[in-house]
Amino acid sequence: MKSVIVVLNDVPYGNERAYNGLRYAHALLGASVQVKVYLLADAVTCAKNGQTPPNGYYNVETLIGGIVRRGGTVHA
């Protein structure tokens, strides 16, 4: 099985970098790939429980939960 590591180091809201990285990781899980996500620096706040995202932004906490439920790992 192939393994992919996704490293995020930007804030969860204000731009779409964290969102796009998590979407990429989520999409890879359906391709028989072992996915590991590493949250560094400001990206650690992506894993905070009980988020209320700003209007127009997707909740990255929900994406992280989906990755974990489908067998991926998230490290902070």
Protein backbone atom coordinates (compact mmCIF):
# COMPACT_ATOMS: atom_id res chain seq x y z
CA MET A 1 0.00 0.00 0.00
CA LYS A 2 1.27 3.45 -0.88
CA SER A 3 1.51 6.15 1.75
CA VAL A 4 0.96 9.89 1.30
CA ILE A 5 1.87 12.56 3.82
CA VAL A 6 0.08 15.90 3.70
CA VAL A 7 1.74 18.68 5.70
CA LEU A 8 -0.30 21.77 6.57
CA ASN A 9 1.18 24.84 8.25
CA ASP A 10 -1.33 27.62 7.62
CA VAL A 11 -4.36 28.94 9.49
CA PRO A 12 -7.64 27.06 8.98
CA TYR A 13 -9.58 30.15 7.86
CA GLY A 14 -8.72 33.28 5.89
CA ASN A 15 -7.46 31.40 2.83
CA GLU A 16 -8.12 27.97 1.37
CA ARG A 17 -4.73 26.28 1.81
CA ALA A 18 -5.69 24.16 4.83
CA TYR A 19 -9.09 23.37 3.31
CA ASN A 20 -7.56 22.27 0.00
CA GLY A 21 -4.93 20.13 1.72
CA LEU A 22 -7.58 18.37 3.79
CA ARG A 23 -9.79 17.87 0.73
CA TYR A 24 -6.81 16.32 -1.07
CA ALA A 25 -6.14 13.97 1.87
CA HIS A 26 -9.83 13.04 2.06
CA ALA A 27 -9.96 12.26 -1.68
CA LEU A 28 -6.88 10.02 -1.49
CA LEU A 29 -8.49 7.78 1.11
CA GLY A 30 -10.76 6.31 -1.57
CA ALA A 31 -7.75 5.28 -3.66
CA SER A 32 -6.36 2.59 -1.30
CA VAL A 33 -3.68 4.96 -0.05
CA GLN A 34 -2.56 5.30 3.55
CA VAL A 35 -2.94 9.01 4.39
CA LYS A 36 -1.14 10.85 7.18
CA VAL A 37 -1.85 14.52 7.82
CA TYR A 38 0.60 16.61 9.86
CA LEU A 39 -0.60 19.91 11.29
CA LEU A 40 2.27 22.28 12.02
CA ALA A 41 2.43 25.83 13.37
CA ASP A 42 -0.85 27.70 12.76
CA ALA A 43 -2.47 24.63 11.21
CA VAL A 44 -2.70 22.99 14.65
CA THR A 45 -5.83 25.09 15.22
CA CYS A 46 -7.52 23.13 12.41
CA ALA A 47 -8.05 20.30 14.92
CA LYS A 48 -9.71 22.47 17.57
CA ASN A 49 -13.06 21.08 18.76
CA GLY A 50 -16.26 23.11 18.50
CA GLN A 51 -15.24 25.41 15.67
CA THR A 52 -17.58 28.06 14.33
CA PRO A 53 -16.13 28.93 10.93
CA PRO A 54 -16.57 32.39 9.42
CA ASN A 55 -19.39 32.83 6.93
CA GLY A 56 -18.56 31.22 3.60
CA TYR A 57 -15.89 28.83 4.93
CA TYR A 58 -16.18 25.07 5.28
CA ASN A 59 -15.61 23.63 8.76
CA VAL A 60 -12.14 22.05 8.66
CA GLU A 61 -12.87 20.20 11.92
CA THR A 62 -15.50 18.22 9.96
CA LEU A 63 -12.97 17.36 7.24
CA ILE A 64 -10.43 16.15 9.81
CA GLY A 65 -13.08 13.99 11.46
CA GLY A 66 -13.92 12.44 8.09
CA ILE A 67 -10.28 11.64 7.42
CA VAL A 68 -9.91 9.91 10.78
CA ARG A 69 -13.19 7.98 10.43
CA ARG A 70 -12.05 6.65 7.05
CA GLY A 71 -8.72 5.35 8.37
CA GLY A 72 -6.38 8.30 7.90
CA THR A 73 -4.27 9.68 10.72
CA VAL A 74 -3.84 13.28 11.85
CA HIS A 75 -0.88 14.42 13.92
CA ALA A 76 -0.36 17.83 15.48
